[in-house]
């Protein structure tokens, strides 16, 4: 069964909090448009970025090798979910 965009957004938030051990934040507290790598957003750093790449590989079979493209994909939950929907075989 295909997941819809909202289900993928929730799943991504859960995976981010779990994979990155974000102890000070609950998945539902992450806004869909909230910047993931800015101080006034979630505040992830470059090491977290590597973990996000691994998370996408492990959970969705997606490889993000182009870091410039990665910056676009990793802007927010919305951009991440959009990428997953368009590129992961089980959703498209």
N, C-alpha and C. Protein backbone atom coordinates (compact mmCIF):
# COMPACT_ATOMS: atom_id res chain seq x y z
N UNK A 1 0.83 -1.19 0.00
CA UNK A 1 0.00 0.00 0.00
C UNK A 1 0.87 1.25 0.00
N UNK A 2 0.54 2.17 -0.87
CA UNK A 2 1.31 3.40 -0.97
C UNK A 2 1.00 4.31 0.22
N UNK A 3 2.03 5.01 0.67
CA UNK A 3 1.84 5.99 1.74
C UNK A 3 1.60 7.34 1.10
N UNK A 4 0.77 8.15 1.75
CA UNK A 4 0.56 9.49 1.22
C UNK A 4 1.60 10.44 1.80
N UNK A 5 1.61 11.65 1.29
CA UNK A 5 2.61 12.65 1.68
C UNK A 5 2.61 12.92 3.18
N UNK A 6 1.43 13.01 3.77
CA UNK A 6 1.34 13.29 5.21
C UNK A 6 1.93 12.15 6.04
N UNK A 7 1.69 10.92 5.60
CA UNK A 7 2.25 9.76 6.31
C UNK A 7 3.78 9.76 6.22
N UNK A 8 4.30 10.12 5.06
CA UNK A 8 5.74 10.16 4.88
C UNK A 8 6.35 11.28 5.74
N UNK A 9 5.69 12.43 5.80
CA UNK A 9 6.19 13.52 6.65
C UNK A 9 6.28 13.09 8.11
N UNK A 10 5.24 12.43 8.60
CA UNK A 10 5.24 11.96 9.99
C UNK A 10 6.36 10.94 10.19
N UNK A 11 6.49 10.02 9.24
CA UNK A 11 7.53 9.00 9.32
C UNK A 11 8.93 9.63 9.33
N UNK A 12 9.15 10.63 8.48
CA UNK A 12 10.44 11.31 8.42
C UNK A 12 10.76 12.01 9.74
N UNK A 13 9.77 12.66 10.32
CA UNK A 13 9.97 13.33 11.62
C UNK A 13 10.35 12.31 12.69
N UNK A 14 9.63 11.18 12.72
CA UNK A 14 9.93 10.13 13.68
C UNK A 14 11.36 9.61 13.47
N UNK A 15 11.72 9.37 12.21
CA UNK A 15 13.05 8.86 11.88
C UNK A 15 14.15 9.85 12.26
N UNK A 16 13.90 11.14 12.00
CA UNK A 16 14.90 12.16 12.35
C UNK A 16 15.16 12.18 13.85
N UNK A 17 14.11 12.21 14.63
CA UNK A 17 14.26 12.27 16.09
C UNK A 17 14.95 11.00 16.59
N UNK A 18 14.56 9.86 16.05
CA UNK A 18 15.13 8.58 16.48
C UNK A 18 16.58 8.42 15.99
N UNK A 19 16.82 8.65 14.71
CA UNK A 19 18.14 8.43 14.12
C UNK A 19 19.19 9.40 14.66
N UNK A 20 18.77 10.63 14.93
CA UNK A 20 19.72 11.65 15.36
C UNK A 20 19.72 11.84 16.88
N UNK A 21 18.96 11.02 17.57
CA UNK A 21 18.86 11.11 19.03
C UNK A 21 18.58 12.54 19.49
N UNK A 22 17.57 13.14 18.88
CA UNK A 22 17.18 14.51 19.24
C UNK A 22 16.35 14.45 20.52
N UNK A 23 17.01 14.59 21.65
CA UNK A 23 16.33 14.41 22.93
C UNK A 23 15.45 15.58 23.34
N UNK A 24 15.74 16.76 22.81
CA UNK A 24 15.01 17.96 23.24
C UNK A 24 13.80 18.27 22.35
N UNK A 25 13.49 17.38 21.42
CA UNK A 25 12.43 17.70 20.47
C UNK A 25 11.57 16.47 20.22
N UNK A 26 10.28 16.70 20.12
CA UNK A 26 9.33 15.64 19.78
C UNK A 26 9.06 15.72 18.28
N UNK A 27 8.83 14.57 17.63
CA UNK A 27 8.59 14.60 16.18
C UNK A 27 7.50 15.59 15.76
N UNK A 28 6.41 15.64 16.52
CA UNK A 28 5.29 16.53 16.14
C UNK A 28 5.63 18.01 16.31
N UNK A 29 6.74 18.33 17.00
CA UNK A 29 7.15 19.72 17.17
C UNK A 29 7.90 20.26 15.96
N UNK A 30 8.32 19.37 15.05
CA UNK A 30 9.05 19.81 13.86
C UNK A 30 8.04 20.28 12.82
N UNK A 31 8.11 21.54 12.46
CA UNK A 31 7.21 22.09 11.44
C UNK A 31 7.58 21.59 10.06
N UNK A 32 6.59 21.40 9.21
CA UNK A 32 6.84 20.88 7.86
C UNK A 32 7.76 21.80 7.05
N UNK A 33 7.66 23.11 7.27
CA UNK A 33 8.49 24.08 6.54
C UNK A 33 9.68 24.58 7.36
N UNK A 34 9.83 24.08 8.58
CA UNK A 34 10.89 24.53 9.45
C UNK A 34 12.26 24.13 8.87
N UNK A 35 13.20 25.08 8.79
CA UNK A 35 14.54 24.75 8.27
C UNK A 35 15.21 23.69 9.15
N UNK A 36 15.75 22.66 8.53
CA UNK A 36 16.38 21.58 9.29
C UNK A 36 17.79 21.94 9.76
N UNK A 37 18.52 22.73 8.95
CA UNK A 37 19.93 22.99 9.25
C UNK A 37 20.22 24.44 9.66
N UNK A 38 19.24 25.16 10.12
CA UNK A 38 19.47 26.53 10.57
C UNK A 38 19.23 26.62 12.07
N UNK A 39 19.94 27.53 12.71
CA UNK A 39 19.83 27.69 14.16
C UNK A 39 18.40 27.99 14.61
N UNK A 40 17.69 28.79 13.80
CA UNK A 40 16.30 29.13 14.18
C UNK A 40 15.32 28.05 13.73
N UNK A 41 15.85 26.94 13.22
CA UNK A 41 15.02 25.80 12.83
C UNK A 41 15.32 24.64 13.77
N UNK A 42 15.49 23.46 13.19
CA UNK A 42 15.79 22.27 13.97
C UNK A 42 17.24 22.32 14.47
N UNK A 43 18.13 22.96 13.71
CA UNK A 43 19.51 23.14 14.14
C UNK A 43 20.43 21.96 13.90
N UNK A 44 20.17 21.18 12.84
CA UNK A 44 21.04 20.06 12.53
C UNK A 44 22.38 20.57 12.00
N UNK A 45 23.44 19.75 12.16
CA UNK A 45 24.76 20.14 11.64
C UNK A 45 25.18 19.17 10.53
N UNK A 46 26.41 19.32 10.03
CA UNK A 46 26.85 18.52 8.89
C UNK A 46 26.93 17.03 9.23
N UNK A 47 27.29 16.70 10.46
CA UNK A 47 27.30 15.28 10.86
C UNK A 47 25.89 14.71 10.82
N UNK A 48 24.93 15.51 11.27
CA UNK A 48 23.53 15.08 11.19
C UNK A 48 23.13 14.85 9.73
N UNK A 49 23.66 15.69 8.84
CA UNK A 49 23.37 15.55 7.41
C UNK A 49 23.79 14.19 6.89
N UNK A 50 24.95 13.72 7.33
CA UNK A 50 25.42 12.39 6.93
C UNK A 50 24.45 11.33 7.44
N UNK A 51 23.98 11.49 8.66
CA UNK A 51 23.01 10.54 9.23
C UNK A 51 21.69 10.55 8.44
N UNK A 52 21.28 11.73 7.97
CA UNK A 52 20.05 11.82 7.18
C UNK A 52 20.23 11.06 5.87
N UNK A 53 21.41 11.19 5.25
CA UNK A 53 21.70 10.45 4.01
C UNK A 53 21.59 8.94 4.27
N UNK A 54 22.19 8.48 5.37
CA UNK A 54 22.13 7.06 5.74
C UNK A 54 20.69 6.63 6.01
N UNK A 55 19.94 7.49 6.69
CA UNK A 55 18.54 7.21 7.01
C UNK A 55 17.71 7.03 5.73
N UNK A 56 17.92 7.91 4.75
CA UNK A 56 17.19 7.80 3.47
C UNK A 56 17.57 6.52 2.74
N UNK A 57 18.86 6.16 2.80
CA UNK A 57 19.33 4.93 2.16
C UNK A 57 18.69 3.71 2.83
N UNK A 58 18.76 3.68 4.14
CA UNK A 58 18.29 2.52 4.90
C UNK A 58 16.77 2.35 4.79
N UNK A 59 16.04 3.43 4.89
CA UNK A 59 14.58 3.33 4.97
C UNK A 59 13.86 3.41 3.62
N UNK A 60 14.49 4.07 2.64
CA UNK A 60 13.79 4.29 1.36
C UNK A 60 14.60 3.84 0.15
N UNK A 61 15.84 3.35 0.37
CA UNK A 61 16.67 2.92 -0.74
C UNK A 61 17.13 4.06 -1.62
N UNK A 62 17.21 5.27 -1.05
CA UNK A 62 17.60 6.45 -1.83
C UNK A 62 19.03 6.86 -1.53
N UNK A 63 19.78 7.15 -2.59
CA UNK A 63 21.15 7.65 -2.45
C UNK A 63 21.18 9.12 -2.81
N UNK A 64 21.73 9.93 -1.95
CA UNK A 64 21.92 11.35 -2.26
C UNK A 64 23.43 11.57 -2.28
N UNK A 65 24.01 11.56 -3.49
CA UNK A 65 25.45 11.71 -3.62
C UNK A 65 25.85 13.16 -3.92
N UNK A 66 25.00 13.88 -4.61
CA UNK A 66 25.27 15.26 -4.99
C UNK A 66 24.91 16.18 -3.81
N UNK A 67 25.92 16.73 -3.16
CA UNK A 67 25.66 17.54 -1.96
C UNK A 67 24.91 18.83 -2.27
N UNK A 68 25.11 19.37 -3.47
CA UNK A 68 24.36 20.57 -3.84
C UNK A 68 22.87 20.24 -3.90
N UNK A 69 22.56 19.10 -4.50
CA UNK A 69 21.17 18.64 -4.55
C UNK A 69 20.70 18.31 -3.13
N UNK A 70 21.59 17.75 -2.32
CA UNK A 70 21.26 17.44 -0.94
C UNK A 70 20.82 18.66 -0.16
N UNK A 71 21.48 19.80 -0.41
CA UNK A 71 21.09 21.03 0.29
C UNK A 71 19.66 21.41 -0.03
N UNK A 72 19.26 21.19 -1.28
CA UNK A 72 17.87 21.49 -1.67
C UNK A 72 16.91 20.49 -1.02
N UNK A 73 17.27 19.22 -1.06
CA UNK A 73 16.41 18.16 -0.53
C UNK A 73 16.24 18.29 0.98
N UNK A 74 17.32 18.64 1.68
CA UNK A 74 17.32 18.64 3.15
C UNK A 74 16.90 19.96 3.78
N UNK A 75 16.25 20.83 3.03
CA UNK A 75 15.84 22.12 3.57
C UNK A 75 14.81 21.98 4.69
N UNK A 76 13.83 21.13 4.48
CA UNK A 76 12.72 21.00 5.44
C UNK A 76 12.09 19.62 5.30
N UNK A 77 11.17 19.33 6.18
CA UNK A 77 10.41 18.07 6.07
C UNK A 77 9.66 18.03 4.75
N UNK A 78 9.10 19.16 4.34
CA UNK A 78 8.36 19.21 3.07
C UNK A 78 9.25 18.81 1.89
N UNK A 79 10.48 19.37 1.82
CA UNK A 79 11.36 19.06 0.69
C UNK A 79 11.85 17.61 0.76
N UNK A 80 12.10 17.12 1.97
CA UNK A 80 12.51 15.71 2.14
C UNK A 80 11.39 14.76 1.70
N UNK A 81 10.18 15.01 2.18
CA UNK A 81 9.04 14.15 1.85
C UNK A 81 8.77 14.17 0.35
N UNK A 82 8.87 15.34 -0.26
CA UNK A 82 8.66 15.48 -1.70
C UNK A 82 9.68 14.63 -2.47
N UNK A 83 10.93 14.68 -2.02
CA UNK A 83 11.99 13.88 -2.66
C UNK A 83 11.70 12.39 -2.52
N UNK A 84 11.30 11.97 -1.33
CA UNK A 84 11.00 10.55 -1.09
C UNK A 84 9.85 10.09 -2.00
N UNK A 85 8.78 10.88 -2.06
CA UNK A 85 7.62 10.51 -2.87
C UNK A 85 8.01 10.38 -4.35
N UNK A 86 8.84 11.30 -4.83
CA UNK A 86 9.19 11.30 -6.25
C UNK A 86 10.24 10.27 -6.63
N UNK A 87 11.05 9.81 -5.66
CA UNK A 87 12.19 8.98 -6.00
C UNK A 87 12.20 7.57 -5.42
N UNK A 88 11.41 7.31 -4.40
CA UNK A 88 11.40 5.97 -3.81
C UNK A 88 10.39 5.10 -4.57
N UNK A 89 10.84 3.98 -5.05
CA UNK A 89 10.02 3.11 -5.89
C UNK A 89 8.67 2.73 -5.30
N UNK A 90 8.62 2.48 -4.00
CA UNK A 90 7.38 2.00 -3.39
C UNK A 90 6.31 3.07 -3.28
N UNK A 91 6.69 4.33 -3.51
CA UNK A 91 5.71 5.42 -3.39
C UNK A 91 5.26 5.96 -4.75
N UNK A 92 6.14 5.82 -5.75
CA UNK A 92 5.81 6.44 -7.04
C UNK A 92 5.02 5.52 -7.94
